[in-house]
C-alpha cells in the first residue's frame, strides 16, 4: 500500500513539475509577445504623429522623413522575416515540446555550425539595419551608436564562460533548444522595435 502511494505521489509530482514548467514557459513567452504588441502600437502612434509634423513643417523634417522612412522599411522587413520563421516553427508546438529537438536550430545553423541560407538572409537583414542605424545617426548620438553596436553588429566576437570564441549568432542563439531559439528570436524582434523607438525619441527631441 505504501509503495503504491509512493508511485502515485511520484507521478503526481512529475505532472506538477511539468505543468509548472509549462506555466513558467507560457508566462515568459506571453510577456515577450505582450511587450512586442505594446511596442507595435507605440511605433504606429509615433509614426502617425511624426508624419503629421512632417506635413506641417516639410522643410524642417524633409531629410529626417526620408531617413526614418528607410529605417522603418528595413526594420519592418527584418520583423516580417522573423514573424515568418516563428509561424513556420509554430509557437504552441515549441511551448508544449512537440517538435524534434533540433527543429528550430536547423533553420538557422547547418550541421557544421555555419549559417544556412535562411540564416544568411537573417544576417543580411540585420546588417542592413546596422548600416542604416549609423546612416540615420546624423547627430552622432552615443545612445544610437551604442545600441546598434550592441545589438546589430554581426562581425563581432563574443566569449563564453570558458573563454571560447562565439560568433554573433552563436551568442544570440546560445541556447539552441527550440524554446531558446524561439525566445532569442523574439528578443531580436524586440530589440528592433526598441531601436525604432529610440530613434523616434531622438528625432522628437530636436
Protein backbone atom coordinates (compact mmCIF):
# COMPACT_ATOMS: atom_id res chain seq x y z
CA UNK A 1 0.00 0.00 0.00
CA UNK A 2 2.80 2.37 0.98
CA UNK A 3 4.64 1.54 -2.24
CA UNK A 4 1.52 2.27 -4.27
CA UNK A 5 1.07 5.64 -2.57
CA UNK A 6 4.72 6.47 -3.29
CA UNK A 7 4.29 5.66 -7.00
CA UNK A 8 1.12 7.76 -7.23
CA UNK A 9 2.83 10.65 -5.41
CA UNK A 10 5.87 10.40 -7.70
CA UNK A 11 3.68 10.51 -10.82
CA UNK A 12 1.66 13.41 -9.39
CA UNK A 13 4.82 15.38 -8.59
CA UNK A 14 6.16 14.68 -12.08
CA UNK A 15 2.97 16.02 -13.65
CA UNK A 16 3.06 19.01 -11.29
CA UNK A 17 6.66 19.86 -12.20
CA UNK A 18 5.88 19.58 -15.92
CA UNK A 19 2.77 21.75 -15.52
CA UNK A 20 4.79 24.34 -13.57
CA UNK A 21 7.47 24.34 -16.27
CA UNK A 22 4.86 24.86 -18.98
CA UNK A 23 3.20 27.61 -16.92
CA UNK A 24 6.55 29.41 -16.47
CA UNK A 25 7.35 28.92 -20.16
CA UNK A 26 3.97 30.33 -21.15
CA UNK A 27 4.33 33.35 -18.85
CA UNK A 28 7.77 34.22 -20.23
CA UNK A 29 6.59 33.83 -23.81
CA UNK A 30 3.38 35.77 -23.25
CA UNK A 31 5.30 38.61 -21.55
CA UNK A 32 7.58 38.98 -24.58
CA UNK A 33 4.68 38.84 -27.02
CA UNK A 34 2.78 41.46 -24.97
CA UNK A 35 5.84 43.76 -24.92
CA UNK A 36 6.11 43.38 -28.71
CA UNK A 37 2.40 44.19 -29.13
CA UNK A 38 2.65 47.32 -26.97
CA UNK A 39 5.77 48.49 -28.82
CA UNK A 40 3.96 47.96 -32.13
CA UNK A 41 1.12 50.23 -31.01
CA UNK A 42 3.55 52.89 -29.75
CA UNK A 43 5.56 52.81 -33.00
CA UNK A 44 2.38 53.21 -35.04
CA UNK A 45 1.31 56.16 -32.87
CA UNK A 46 4.69 57.87 -33.11
CA UNK A 47 4.86 57.28 -36.86
CA UNK A 48 1.46 58.94 -37.32
CA UNK A 49 2.49 61.85 -35.08
CA UNK A 50 5.79 62.31 -36.93
CA UNK A 51 4.12 62.17 -40.35
CA UNK A 52 1.73 64.90 -39.19
CA UNK A 53 4.67 67.04 -38.03
CA UNK A 54 6.49 66.45 -41.32
CA UNK A 55 3.45 67.59 -43.30
CA UNK A 56 3.10 70.73 -41.18
CA UNK A 57 6.83 71.58 -41.41
CA UNK A 58 8.09 69.91 -44.61
CA UNK A 59 11.33 71.90 -44.86
CA UNK A 60 12.34 71.10 -41.28
CA UNK A 61 11.62 67.38 -41.49
CA UNK A 62 12.19 66.60 -45.18
CA UNK A 63 15.57 64.87 -44.75
CA UNK A 64 14.59 63.17 -41.49
CA UNK A 65 11.37 61.90 -43.07
CA UNK A 66 13.36 60.09 -45.75
CA UNK A 67 15.80 58.62 -43.20
CA UNK A 68 13.13 57.44 -40.80
CA UNK A 69 11.07 56.03 -43.67
CA UNK A 70 14.04 53.93 -44.77
CA UNK A 71 14.75 52.85 -41.19
CA UNK A 72 11.16 51.67 -40.75
CA UNK A 73 11.22 49.88 -44.11
CA UNK A 74 14.37 47.93 -43.20
CA UNK A 75 13.20 47.28 -39.61
CA UNK A 76 9.79 46.06 -40.78
CA UNK A 77 11.44 43.83 -43.38
CA UNK A 78 13.51 42.17 -40.63
CA UNK A 79 10.49 41.84 -38.33
CA UNK A 80 8.42 40.26 -41.12
CA UNK A 81 11.22 37.75 -41.72
CA UNK A 82 11.28 36.84 -38.02
CA UNK A 83 7.47 36.55 -37.97
CA UNK A 84 7.51 34.09 -40.88
CA UNK A 85 10.08 31.89 -39.15
CA UNK A 86 8.11 31.95 -35.88
CA UNK A 87 4.92 30.99 -37.71
CA UNK A 88 6.73 28.18 -39.52
CA UNK A 89 8.16 26.78 -36.29
CA UNK A 90 4.79 27.13 -34.52
CA UNK A 91 4.89 28.69 -31.05
CA UNK A 92 2.47 26.28 -29.41
CA UNK A 93 4.38 23.25 -30.62
CA UNK A 94 7.57 24.74 -29.16
CA UNK A 95 5.98 25.54 -25.80
CA UNK A 96 4.41 22.09 -25.43
CA UNK A 97 7.58 20.34 -26.61
CA UNK A 98 6.02 18.73 -29.68
CA UNK A 99 8.97 19.19 -32.04
CA UNK A 100 12.17 17.30 -32.75
CA UNK A 101 14.99 18.54 -30.52
CA UNK A 102 16.83 20.46 -33.26
CA UNK A 103 13.76 21.50 -35.28
CA UNK A 104 14.40 25.25 -34.91
CA UNK A 105 18.21 25.30 -34.96
CA UNK A 106 18.46 23.56 -38.37
CA UNK A 107 16.61 26.51 -39.89
CA UNK A 108 19.47 28.83 -38.94
CA UNK A 109 22.52 26.57 -38.48
CA UNK A 110 23.89 23.79 -40.69
CA UNK A 111 25.44 20.63 -39.22
CA UNK A 112 28.94 22.15 -39.33
CA UNK A 113 27.75 25.16 -37.31
CA UNK A 114 27.71 27.65 -40.19
CA UNK A 115 24.65 29.64 -41.20
CA UNK A 116 22.11 28.07 -43.54
CA UNK A 117 20.68 30.04 -46.46
CA UNK A 118 17.91 31.22 -44.13
CA UNK A 119 20.50 32.18 -41.54
CA UNK A 120 22.45 34.17 -44.13
CA UNK A 121 19.27 36.02 -45.09
CA UNK A 122 18.72 36.89 -41.44
CA UNK A 123 22.31 38.15 -41.22
CA UNK A 124 21.88 40.31 -44.34
CA UNK A 125 18.75 41.92 -42.91
CA UNK A 126 20.44 42.61 -39.56
CA UNK A 127 23.49 44.06 -41.38
CA UNK A 128 21.18 46.35 -43.36
CA UNK A 129 19.59 47.62 -40.15
CA UNK A 130 23.05 48.17 -38.62
CA UNK A 131 24.20 50.18 -41.66
CA UNK A 132 21.02 52.24 -41.70
CA UNK A 133 21.32 52.76 -37.95
CA UNK A 134 24.61 54.57 -38.45
CA UNK A 135 23.38 56.47 -41.50
CA UNK A 136 20.44 57.99 -39.63
CA UNK A 137 22.60 59.00 -36.67
CA UNK A 138 23.32 62.40 -38.17
CA UNK A 139 23.91 63.97 -34.73
CA UNK A 140 26.36 61.20 -33.75
CA UNK A 141 24.38 60.37 -30.62
CA UNK A 142 26.12 57.79 -28.44
CA UNK A 143 22.88 56.04 -27.42
CA UNK A 144 22.02 55.25 -31.04
CA UNK A 145 25.57 54.21 -31.90
CA UNK A 146 25.94 52.01 -28.81
CA UNK A 147 22.56 50.35 -29.32
CA UNK A 148 23.33 49.48 -32.94
CA UNK A 149 26.79 48.18 -32.00
CA UNK A 150 25.50 46.13 -29.07
CA UNK A 151 22.56 44.51 -30.87
CA UNK A 152 23.07 44.54 -34.65
CA UNK A 153 26.80 44.36 -35.33
CA UNK A 154 27.30 40.84 -36.69
CA UNK A 155 31.06 40.97 -37.34
CA UNK A 156 31.96 40.96 -33.65
CA UNK A 157 33.41 38.20 -31.47
CA UNK A 158 31.94 37.16 -28.13
CA UNK A 159 33.32 34.82 -25.47
CA UNK A 160 31.51 32.30 -23.32
CA UNK A 161 32.32 31.48 -19.66
CA UNK A 162 35.13 29.17 -20.79
CA UNK A 163 36.70 31.91 -22.95
CA UNK A 164 35.60 30.10 -26.10
CA UNK A 165 35.03 32.42 -29.06
CA UNK A 166 31.44 32.82 -30.23
CA UNK A 167 30.08 34.44 -33.35
CA UNK A 168 27.23 36.97 -33.19
CA UNK A 169 24.72 34.21 -33.98
CA UNK A 170 26.19 31.65 -31.59
CA UNK A 171 25.93 34.30 -28.89
CA UNK A 172 22.40 35.34 -29.90
CA UNK A 173 21.27 31.71 -30.01
CA UNK A 174 23.41 30.47 -27.13
CA UNK A 175 20.57 28.17 -26.10
CA UNK A 176 19.91 26.16 -29.25
CA UNK A 177 16.88 24.30 -27.90
CA UNK A 178 13.63 25.02 -29.74
CA UNK A 179 12.41 27.19 -26.87
CA UNK A 180 15.74 29.00 -26.54
CA UNK A 181 15.90 29.75 -30.27
CA UNK A 182 12.29 30.96 -30.35
CA UNK A 183 12.74 33.28 -27.37
CA UNK A 184 16.03 34.65 -28.73
CA UNK A 185 14.28 35.47 -31.98
CA UNK A 186 11.54 37.29 -30.08
CA UNK A 187 14.25 39.23 -28.19
CA UNK A 188 15.82 40.22 -31.52
CA UNK A 189 12.39 41.38 -32.70
CA UNK A 190 12.00 43.42 -29.51
CA UNK A 191 15.46 44.97 -30.00
CA UNK A 192 14.49 46.11 -33.50
CA UNK A 193 11.37 47.78 -32.11
CA UNK A 194 13.35 49.38 -29.28
CA UNK A 195 15.79 50.82 -31.79
CA UNK A 196 12.93 52.32 -33.80
CA UNK A 197 11.50 53.87 -30.63
CA UNK A 198 14.93 55.14 -29.56
CA UNK A 199 15.33 56.88 -32.90
CA UNK A 200 11.87 58.43 -32.69
CA UNK A 201 12.82 59.69 -29.24
CA UNK A 202 15.90 61.45 -30.61
CA UNK A 203 14.04 62.89 -33.63
CA UNK A 204 11.28 64.33 -31.49
CA UNK A 205 13.71 65.88 -29.02
CA UNK A 206 15.30 68.13 -31.69
